[in-house]
Amino acid sequence: MNPNQQINTSTQQRIPLTITVLLVALCLGTYWGCGASVTRVPIKIQVESTIDVTKYSGFAVLPFTEEKDSSRQRVASSDETGGEIAALMRIGLGRNQNLDVVSTQDTLRLFGDEAMDEELLTNVSELVRIGEYFEVDAVIAGSYRFFAVSQPRRYYGERYSRTLQRYVTDYQDYLEKTYVLSLRVVITSVDTEEIIRDDTYERRAYQSHSVSSYLISEVTPQAGILKSLARQAISEFTRQVSPHYEQEERFLVR
């Protein structure tokens, strides 16, 4: 058998396979395009907690402490900010009827107006002692950083030129100010005397400024922005530690 005959034989073997593939593709195309309808169906999916809720259902939330970072453009906050963040977290956790959270009043009876030390986050024995005092399963402590980053930006657009009688590209310079809240949350188990979660949640808010409005923003209190970002970060945390349902879409083919 010569080489030409081998090539022809191979080609003949591929022809039936090619025809089969084309027929299958044609049938599927007819089914999906004409014979079937696709409907979006929303369904609820249960999402489990990132911690064992059968072991940890009672929490004490301690006032948060501010991290000092000299490399960032720190935004001034009040002395009550750490306590306000902790209060927001108690509210978020308290919405879950299966969780028991020590009230803000009971927490203040122990700590009063005392500022929390950042070293407490890694002092497991002290956190366990506090948890035993409140008779809870776990203690939540944390810290926060609130700073701003400013960068020059340029916005490109188009404007009509009467001189040239056509639209031309134009730009405008402005300052973009980004507020960043970094929230660190540490959960310590009273029973095992170990840290079971140590996570950081970061949220940002953006503002565009001219030179004059930027100067005004430097001296304007930003407590509202801080609280809004804190609510967003705490909402993510509470969803992670609470079993819940999320809605997802599925496609139903008929």
C-alpha atoms as a PDB file:
ATOM      1  CA  MET A   1       0.000   0.000   0.000  1.00  0.00           C
ATOM      2  CA  ASN A   2       1.472   3.362  -1.021  1.00  0.00           C
ATOM      3  CA  PRO A   3       1.420   6.546   1.113  1.00  0.00           C
ATOM      4  CA  ASN A   4      -1.415   8.091  -0.869  1.00  0.00           C
ATOM      5  CA  GLN A   5      -3.688   5.180  -0.056  1.00  0.00           C
ATOM      6  CA  GLN A   6      -2.963   5.587   3.687  1.00  0.00           C
ATOM      7  CA  ILE A   7      -3.957   9.228   3.602  1.00  0.00           C
ATOM      8  CA  ASN A   8      -7.172   8.484   1.768  1.00  0.00           C
ATOM      9  CA  THR A   9      -8.091   5.730   4.229  1.00  0.00           C
ATOM     10  CA  SER A  10      -7.555   8.082   7.193  1.00  0.00           C
ATOM     11  CA  THR A  11      -9.676  10.737   5.557  1.00  0.00           C
ATOM     12  CA  GLN A  12     -12.502   8.285   4.959  1.00  0.00           C
ATOM     13  CA  GLN A  13     -12.464   7.321   8.651  1.00  0.00           C
ATOM     14  CA  ARG A  14     -12.834  10.960   9.742  1.00  0.00           C
ATOM     15  CA  ILE A  15     -15.770  11.789   7.460  1.00  0.00           C
ATOM     16  CA  PRO A  16     -18.437   9.805   9.405  1.00  0.00           C
ATOM     17  CA  LEU A  17     -17.243  11.318  12.701  1.00  0.00           C
ATOM     18  CA  THR A  18     -17.432  14.849  11.289  1.00  0.00           C
ATOM     19  CA  ILE A  19     -20.938  14.269   9.979  1.00  0.00           C
ATOM     20  CA  THR A  20     -22.017  12.886  13.374  1.00  0.00           C
ATOM     21  CA  VAL A  21     -20.692  15.950  15.220  1.00  0.00           C
ATOM     22  CA  LEU A  22     -22.480  18.290  12.827  1.00  0.00           C
ATOM     23  CA  LEU A  23     -25.758  16.432  13.247  1.00  0.00           C
ATOM     24  CA  VAL A  24     -25.516  16.523  17.055  1.00  0.00           C
ATOM     25  CA  ALA A  25     -24.741  20.246  17.019  1.00  0.00           C
ATOM     26  CA  LEU A  26     -27.692  20.865  14.691  1.00  0.00           C
ATOM     27  CA  CYS A  27     -30.055  18.907  16.950  1.00  0.00           C
ATOM     28  CA  LEU A  28     -28.893  20.735  20.082  1.00  0.00           C
ATOM     29  CA  GLY A  29     -29.200  24.080  18.359  1.00  0.00           C
ATOM     30  CA  THR A  30     -32.727  23.260  17.314  1.00  0.00           C
ATOM     31  CA  TYR A  31     -33.606  22.140  20.866  1.00  0.00           C
ATOM     32  CA  TRP A  32     -32.168  25.143  22.650  1.00  0.00           C
ATOM     33  CA  GLY A  33     -33.194  27.706  20.081  1.00  0.00           C
ATOM     34  CA  CYS A  34     -36.676  26.559  19.180  1.00  0.00           C
ATOM     35  CA  GLY A  35     -37.910  23.710  21.288  1.00  0.00           C
ATOM     36  CA  ALA A  36     -36.955  24.995  24.765  1.00  0.00           C
ATOM     37  CA  SER A  37     -37.566  28.041  26.941  1.00  0.00           C
ATOM     38  CA  VAL A  38     -35.209  29.234  29.664  1.00  0.00           C
ATOM     39  CA  THR A  39     -36.638  30.812  32.825  1.00  0.00           C
ATOM     40  CA  ARG A  40     -34.726  32.487  35.649  1.00  0.00           C
ATOM     41  CA  VAL A  41     -35.792  31.005  38.974  1.00  0.00           C
ATOM     42  CA  PRO A  42     -34.693  32.662  42.263  1.00  0.00           C
ATOM     43  CA  ILE A  43     -34.019  30.166  45.034  1.00  0.00           C
ATOM     44  CA  LYS A  44     -32.812  30.500  48.634  1.00  0.00           C
ATOM     45  CA  ILE A  45     -29.487  28.923  49.560  1.00  0.00           C
ATOM     46  CA  GLN A  46     -28.590  28.306  53.199  1.00  0.00           C
ATOM     47  CA  VAL A  47     -25.164  29.647  54.143  1.00  0.00           C
ATOM     48  CA  GLU A  48     -23.525  28.170  57.214  1.00  0.00           C
ATOM     49  CA  SER A  49     -21.709  30.196  59.867  1.00  0.00           C
ATOM     50  CA  THR A  50     -17.920  30.491  59.773  1.00  0.00           C
ATOM     51  CA  ILE A  51     -17.897  29.415  63.439  1.00  0.00           C
ATOM     52  CA  ASP A  52     -19.594  26.514  65.209  1.00  0.00           C
ATOM     53  CA  VAL A  53     -22.837  28.092  66.449  1.00  0.00           C
ATOM     54  CA  THR A  54     -23.611  24.966  68.493  1.00  0.00           C
ATOM     55  CA  LYS A  55     -20.581  25.805  70.654  1.00  0.00           C
ATOM     56  CA  TYR A  56     -20.564  29.593  70.428  1.00  0.00           C
ATOM     57  CA  SER A  57     -23.882  31.325  70.996  1.00  0.00           C
ATOM     58  CA  GLY A  58     -23.035  33.724  73.836  1.00  0.00           C
ATOM     59  CA  PHE A  59     -20.760  36.700  73.129  1.00  0.00           C
ATOM     60  CA  ALA A  60     -19.259  39.643  74.937  1.00  0.00           C
ATOM     61  CA  VAL A  61     -18.181  42.498  72.646  1.00  0.00           C
ATOM     62  CA  LEU A  62     -15.464  44.734  74.073  1.00  0.00           C
ATOM     63  CA  PRO A  63     -14.878  48.363  73.042  1.00  0.00           C
ATOM     64  CA  PHE A  64     -12.641  48.623  69.986  1.00  0.00           C
ATOM     65  CA  THR A  65      -9.275  50.357  70.165  1.00  0.00           C
ATOM     66  CA  GLU A  66      -7.723  52.674  67.583  1.00  0.00           C
ATOM     67  CA  GLU A  67      -4.532  51.596  65.825  1.00  0.00           C
ATOM     68  CA  LYS A  68      -1.921  54.293  65.441  1.00  0.00           C
ATOM     69  CA  ASP A  69      -0.302  54.269  61.999  1.00  0.00           C
ATOM     70  CA  SER A  70       2.035  57.173  61.329  1.00  0.00           C
ATOM     71  CA  SER A  71       2.430  56.217  57.643  1.00  0.00           C
ATOM     72  CA  ARG A  72      -1.201  57.048  56.895  1.00  0.00           C
ATOM     73  CA  GLN A  73      -3.100  60.327  56.786  1.00  0.00           C
ATOM     74  CA  ARG A  74      -5.079  59.617  59.941  1.00  0.00           C
ATOM     75  CA  VAL A  75      -8.552  61.090  60.225  1.00  0.00           C
ATOM     76  CA  ALA A  76      -9.299  62.256  63.738  1.00  0.00           C
ATOM     77  CA  SER A  77     -12.009  60.385  65.632  1.00  0.00           C
ATOM     78  CA  SER A  78     -13.548  60.886  69.045  1.00  0.00           C
ATOM     79  CA  ASP A  79     -12.698  58.912  72.160  1.00  0.00           C
ATOM     80  CA  GLU A  80     -16.128  57.275  72.002  1.00  0.00           C
ATOM     81  CA  THR A  81     -15.593  55.792  68.523  1.00  0.00           C
ATOM     82  CA  GLY A  82     -14.349  52.418  69.793  1.00  0.00           C
ATOM     83  CA  GLY A  83     -17.351  52.032  72.068  1.00  0.00           C
ATOM     84  CA  GLU A  84     -19.739  53.082  69.282  1.00  0.00           C
ATOM     85  CA  ILE A  85     -18.310  50.447  66.919  1.00  0.00           C
ATOM     86  CA  ALA A  86     -18.758  47.796  69.624  1.00  0.00           C
ATOM     87  CA  ALA A  87     -22.360  48.954  70.201  1.00  0.00           C
ATOM     88  CA  LEU A  88     -23.113  48.652  66.462  1.00  0.00           C
ATOM     89  CA  MET A  89     -21.714  45.128  66.506  1.00  0.00           C
ATOM     90  CA  ARG A  90     -23.891  44.159  69.484  1.00  0.00           C
ATOM     91  CA  ILE A  91     -26.938  45.396  67.586  1.00  0.00           C
ATOM     92  CA  GLY A  92     -25.943  43.415  64.508  1.00  0.00           C
ATOM     93  CA  LEU A  93     -25.378  40.195  66.439  1.00  0.00           C
ATOM     94  CA  GLY A  94     -28.497  40.753  68.532  1.00  0.00           C
ATOM     95  CA  ARG A  95     -30.702  40.543  65.429  1.00  0.00           C
ATOM     96  CA  ASN A  96     -30.019  36.813  65.387  1.00  0.00           C
ATOM     97  CA  GLN A  97     -32.412  35.293  67.909  1.00  0.00           C
ATOM     98  CA  ASN A  98     -30.085  32.308  68.399  1.00  0.00           C
ATOM     99  CA  LEU A  99     -27.243  34.486  69.707  1.00  0.00           C
ATOM    100  CA  ASP A 100     -27.010  35.948  73.206  1.00  0.00           C
ATOM    101  CA  VAL A 101     -24.956  39.140  73.467  1.00  0.00           C
ATOM    102  CA  VAL A 102     -23.939  40.956  76.658  1.00  0.00           C
ATOM    103  CA  SER A 103     -25.607  44.366  76.666  1.00  0.00           C
ATOM    104  CA  THR A 104     -23.750  47.653  76.321  1.00  0.00           C
ATOM    105  CA  GLN A 105     -24.808  48.669  79.835  1.00  0.00           C
ATOM    106  CA  ASP A 106     -23.354  45.528  81.411  1.00  0.00           C
ATOM    107  CA  THR A 107     -20.136  45.940  79.416  1.00  0.00           C
ATOM    108  CA  LEU A 108     -19.735  49.545  80.530  1.00  0.00           C
ATOM    109  CA  ARG A 109     -20.123  48.514  84.165  1.00  0.00           C
ATOM    110  CA  LEU A 110     -16.891  46.559  83.855  1.00  0.00           C
ATOM    111  CA  PHE A 111     -14.870  48.892  81.631  1.00  0.00           C
ATOM    112  CA  GLY A 112     -16.443  52.301  82.175  1.00  0.00           C
ATOM    113  CA  ASP A 113     -14.688  54.977  80.125  1.00  0.00           C
ATOM    114  CA  GLU A 114     -11.385  53.118  80.223  1.00  0.00           C
ATOM    115  CA  ALA A 115      -9.586  53.055  76.858  1.00  0.00           C
ATOM    116  CA  MET A 116      -8.797  49.570  75.581  1.00  0.00           C
ATOM    117  CA  ASP A 117      -5.172  48.602  75.057  1.00  0.00           C
ATOM    118  CA  GLU A 118      -4.265  47.232  71.623  1.00  0.00           C
ATOM    119  CA  GLU A 119      -2.185  44.516  73.298  1.00  0.00           C
ATOM    120  CA  LEU A 120      -5.413  43.056  74.703  1.00  0.00           C
ATOM    121  CA  LEU A 121      -6.140  41.568  71.248  1.00  0.00           C
ATOM    122  CA  THR A 122      -3.367  39.013  71.710  1.00  0.00           C
ATOM    123  CA  ASN A 123      -3.691  38.599  75.486  1.00  0.00           C
ATOM    124  CA  VAL A 124      -5.728  35.402  75.348  1.00  0.00           C
ATOM    125  CA  SER A 125      -5.654  34.720  79.087  1.00  0.00           C
ATOM    126  CA  GLU A 126      -7.106  38.168  79.867  1.00  0.00           C
ATOM    127  CA  LEU A 127      -9.812  37.777  77.216  1.00  0.00           C
ATOM    128  CA  VAL A 128     -10.728  34.369  78.655  1.00  0.00           C
ATOM    129  CA  ARG A 129     -10.936  35.885  82.145  1.00  0.00           C
ATOM    130  CA  ILE A 130     -13.329  38.554  80.841  1.00  0.00           C
ATOM    131  CA  GLY A 131     -15.411  35.877  79.118  1.00  0.00           C
ATOM    132  CA  GLU A 132     -15.655  33.857  82.315  1.00  0.00           C
ATOM    133  CA  TYR A 133     -16.784  36.969  84.172  1.00  0.00           C
ATOM    134  CA  PHE A 134     -19.639  37.493  81.695  1.00  0.00           C
ATOM    135  CA  GLU A 135     -20.320  33.731  81.488  1.00  0.00           C
ATOM    136  CA  VAL A 136     -20.181  33.658  77.687  1.00  0.00           C
ATOM    137  CA  ASP A 137     -18.774  31.245  75.121  1.00  0.00           C
ATOM    138  CA  ALA A 138     -16.567  33.736  73.279  1.00  0.00           C
ATOM    139  CA  VAL A 139     -15.202  37.259  73.540  1.00  0.00           C
ATOM    140  CA  ILE A 140     -15.043  39.648  70.594  1.00  0.00           C
ATOM    141  CA  ALA A 141     -12.386  42.347  70.680  1.00  0.00           C
ATOM    142  CA  GLY A 142     -10.969  44.455  67.894  1.00  0.00           C
ATOM    143  CA  SER A 143      -9.216  47.527  66.595  1.00  0.00           C
ATOM    144  CA  TYR A 144      -9.767  50.019  63.804  1.00  0.00           C
ATOM    145  CA  ARG A 145      -7.811  52.353  61.534  1.00  0.00           C
ATOM    146  CA  PHE A 146      -9.504  55.309  59.873  1.00  0.00           C
ATOM    147  CA  PHE A 147      -7.428  57.269  57.379  1.00  0.00           C
ATOM    148  CA  ALA A 148      -7.688  59.168  54.099  1.00  0.00           C
ATOM    149  CA  VAL A 149      -5.722  59.026  50.861  1.00  0.00           C
ATOM    150  CA  SER A 150      -5.831  61.956  48.426  1.00  0.00           C
ATOM    151  CA  GLN A 151      -4.783  61.737  44.775  1.00  0.00           C
ATOM    152  CA  PRO A 152      -5.033  64.120  41.817  1.00  0.00           C
ATOM    153  CA  ARG A 153      -7.336  62.913  39.070  1.00  0.00           C
ATOM    154  CA  ARG A 154      -8.203  64.093  35.586  1.00  0.00           C
ATOM    155  CA  TYR A 155     -11.648  63.763  34.021  1.00  0.00           C
ATOM    156  CA  TYR A 156     -11.794  63.660  30.219  1.00  0.00           C
ATOM    157  CA  GLY A 157     -14.864  64.723  28.297  1.00  0.00           C
ATOM    158  CA  GLU A 158     -15.978  66.571  25.209  1.00  0.00           C
ATOM    159  CA  ARG A 159     -17.115  70.146  24.651  1.00  0.00           C
ATOM    160  CA  TYR A 160     -18.272  72.022  21.586  1.00  0.00           C
ATOM    161  CA  SER A 161     -15.787  74.559  20.208  1.00  0.00           C
ATOM    162  CA  ARG A 162     -17.423  77.485  18.464  1.00  0.00           C
ATOM    163  CA  THR A 163     -14.102  78.459  16.943  1.00  0.00           C
ATOM    164  CA  LEU A 164     -13.505  75.053  15.372  1.00  0.00           C
ATOM    165  CA  GLN A 165     -17.247  74.338  15.025  1.00  0.00           C
ATOM    166  CA  ARG A 166     -16.861  70.789  16.262  1.00  0.00           C
ATOM    167  CA  TYR A 167     -16.565  68.790  19.468  1.00  0.00           C
ATOM    168  CA  VAL A 168     -13.086  68.644  20.993  1.00  0.00           C
ATOM    169  CA  THR A 169     -11.609  66.637  23.862  1.00  0.00           C
ATOM    170  CA  ASP A 170     -11.363  68.543  27.113  1.00  0.00           C
ATOM    171  CA  TYR A 171     -10.349  67.666  30.667  1.00  0.00           C
ATOM    172  CA  GLN A 172     -10.789  68.882  34.213  1.00  0.00           C
ATOM    173  CA  ASP A 173      -8.433  68.295  37.127  1.00  0.00           C
ATOM    174  CA  TYR A 174      -9.798  67.443  40.569  1.00  0.00           C
ATOM    175  CA  LEU A 175      -8.760  65.775  43.821  1.00  0.00           C
ATOM    176  CA  GLU A 176     -10.140  62.375  44.783  1.00  0.00           C
ATOM    177  CA  LYS A 177     -10.225  61.755  48.524  1.00  0.00           C
ATOM    178  CA  THR A 178     -10.606  58.161  49.646  1.00  0.00           C
ATOM    179  CA  TYR A 179     -11.643  57.380  53.220  1.00  0.00           C
ATOM    180  CA  VAL A 180     -10.596  53.932  54.401  1.00  0.00           C
ATOM    181  CA  LEU A 181     -11.822  52.077  57.477  1.00  0.00           C
ATOM    182  CA  SER A 182      -9.900  48.929  58.378  1.00  0.00           C
ATOM    183  CA  LEU A 183     -11.679  46.931  61.069  1.00  0.00           C
ATOM    184  CA  ARG A 184      -9.903  44.024  62.756  1.00  0.00           C
ATOM    185  CA  VAL A 185     -12.137  41.551  64.637  1.00  0.00           C
ATOM    186  CA  VAL A 186     -10.718  38.889  66.976  1.00  0.00           C
ATOM    187  CA  ILE A 187     -12.898  36.126  68.479  1.00  0.00           C
ATOM    188  CA  THR A 188     -11.486  34.213  71.454  1.00  0.00           C
ATOM    189  CA  SER A 189     -12.966  30.963  72.740  1.00  0.00           C
ATOM    190  CA  VAL A 190     -13.427  30.853  76.511  1.00  0.00           C
ATOM    191  CA  ASP A 191     -13.580  27.041  76.570  1.00  0.00           C
ATOM    192  CA  THR A 192     -10.511  26.207  74.452  1.00  0.00           C
ATOM    193  CA  GLU A 193      -8.641  29.403  75.397  1.00  0.00           C
ATOM    194  CA  GLU A 194      -7.594  30.126  71.828  1.00  0.00           C
ATOM    195  CA  ILE A 195      -8.298  32.629  69.082  1.00  0.00           C
ATOM    196  CA  ILE A 196     -10.769  31.068  66.655  1.00  0.00           C
ATOM    197  CA  ARG A 197     -11.123  34.008  64.244  1.00  0.00           C
ATOM    198  CA  ASP A 198      -8.870  36.944  63.402  1.00  0.00           C
ATOM    199  CA  ASP A 199     -10.191  38.799  60.364  1.00  0.00           C
ATOM    200  CA  THR A 200      -9.889  42.272  58.886  1.00  0.00           C
ATOM    201  CA  TYR A 201     -12.742  44.017  57.075  1.00  0.00           C
ATOM    202  CA  GLU A 202     -11.996  47.064  54.923  1.00  0.00           C
ATOM    203  CA  ARG A 203     -14.460  49.563  53.515  1.00  0.00           C
ATOM    204  CA  ARG A 204     -13.908  52.705  51.417  1.00  0.00           C
ATOM    205  CA  ALA A 205     -15.776  55.891  50.584  1.00  0.00           C
ATOM    206  CA  TYR A 206     -14.852  58.291  47.769  1.00  0.00           C
ATOM    207  CA  GLN A 207     -15.224  62.049  47.407  1.00  0.00           C
ATOM    208  CA  SER A 208     -14.313  64.359  44.516  1.00  0.00           C
ATOM    209  CA  HIS A 209     -13.059  67.831  45.454  1.00  0.00           C
ATOM    210  CA  SER A 210     -11.956  71.100  44.017  1.00  0.00           C
ATOM    211  CA  VAL A 211      -9.129  72.874  45.835  1.00  0.00           C
ATOM    212  CA  SER A 212     -11.527  74.899  47.989  1.00  0.00           C
ATOM    213  CA  SER A 213     -13.838  72.006  48.884  1.00  0.00           C
ATOM    214  CA  TYR A 214     -10.820  69.835  49.692  1.00  0.00           C
ATOM    215  CA  LEU A 215      -9.564  72.378  52.233  1.00  0.00           C
ATOM    216  CA  ILE A 216     -13.008  72.488  53.823  1.00  0.00           C
ATOM    217  CA  SER A 217     -13.113  68.682  54.052  1.00  0.00           C
ATOM    218  CA  GLU A 218      -9.832  68.704  55.978  1.00  0.00           C
ATOM    219  CA  VAL A 219     -11.421  70.530  58.911  1.00  0.00           C
ATOM    220  CA  THR A 220     -14.929  69.044  58.703  1.00  0.00           C
ATOM    221  CA  PRO A 221     -15.732  66.217  61.160  1.00  0.00           C
ATOM    222  CA  GLN A 222     -16.034  62.878  59.373  1.00  0.00           C
ATOM    223  CA  ALA A 223     -17.883  60.930  62.068  1.00  0.00           C
ATOM    224  CA  GLY A 224     -20.764  60.227  59.682  1.00  0.00           C
ATOM    225  CA  ILE A 225     -18.490  58.610  57.098  1.00  0.00           C
ATOM    226  CA  LEU A 226     -16.740  56.526  59.753  1.00  0.00           C
ATOM    227  CA  LYS A 227     -20.032  55.240  61.169  1.00  0.00           C
ATOM    228  CA  SER A 228     -21.368  54.408  57.696  1.00  0.00           C
ATOM    229  CA  LEU A 229     -18.240  52.406  56.822  1.00  0.00           C
ATOM    230  CA  ALA A 230     -18.336  50.694  60.222  1.00  0.00           C
ATOM    231  CA  ARG A 231     -21.935  49.575  59.613  1.00  0.00           C
ATOM    232  CA  GLN A 232     -20.927  48.072  56.259  1.00  0.00           C
ATOM    233  CA  ALA A 233     -17.974  46.172  57.733  1.00  0.00           C
ATOM    234  CA  ILE A 234     -19.989  44.939  60.732  1.00  0.00           C
ATOM    235  CA  SER A 235     -22.805  43.804  58.445  1.00  0.00           C
ATOM    236  CA  GLU A 236     -20.379  41.549  56.578  1.00  0.00           C
ATOM    237  CA  PHE A 237     -18.996  40.171  59.850  1.00  0.00           C
ATOM    238  CA  THR A 238     -22.399  39.408  61.373  1.00  0.00           C
ATOM    239  CA  ARG A 239     -23.518  37.633  58.198  1.00  0.00           C
ATOM    240  CA  GLN A 240     -20.441  35.431  58.334  1.00  0.00           C
ATOM    241  CA  VAL A 241     -20.975  34.328  61.939  1.00  0.00           C
ATOM    242  CA  SER A 242     -24.754  33.884  61.630  1.00  0.00           C
ATOM    243  CA  PRO A 243     -26.389  31.124  59.579  1.00  0.00           C
ATOM    244  CA  HIS A 244     -28.551  32.812  56.959  1.00  0.00           C
ATOM    245  CA  TYR A 245     -30.141  32.438  53.553  1.00  0.00           C
ATOM    246  CA  GLU A 246     -28.973  34.107  50.352  1.00  0.00           C
ATOM    247  CA  GLN A 247     -30.926  34.339  47.133  1.00  0.00           C
ATOM    248  CA  GLU A 248     -29.348  32.932  43.989  1.00  0.00           C
ATOM    249  CA  GLU A 249     -30.639  32.485  40.457  1.00  0.00           C
ATOM    250  CA  ARG A 250     -30.998  29.201  38.637  1.00  0.00           C
ATOM    251  CA  PHE A 251     -32.003  28.563  35.028  1.00  0.00           C
ATOM    252  CA  LEU A 252     -34.980  26.287  34.376  1.00  0.00           C
ATOM    253  CA  VAL A 253     -35.095  24.782  30.874  1.00  0.00           C
ATOM    254  CA  ARG A 254     -38.459  23.596  29.586  1.00  0.00           C
END
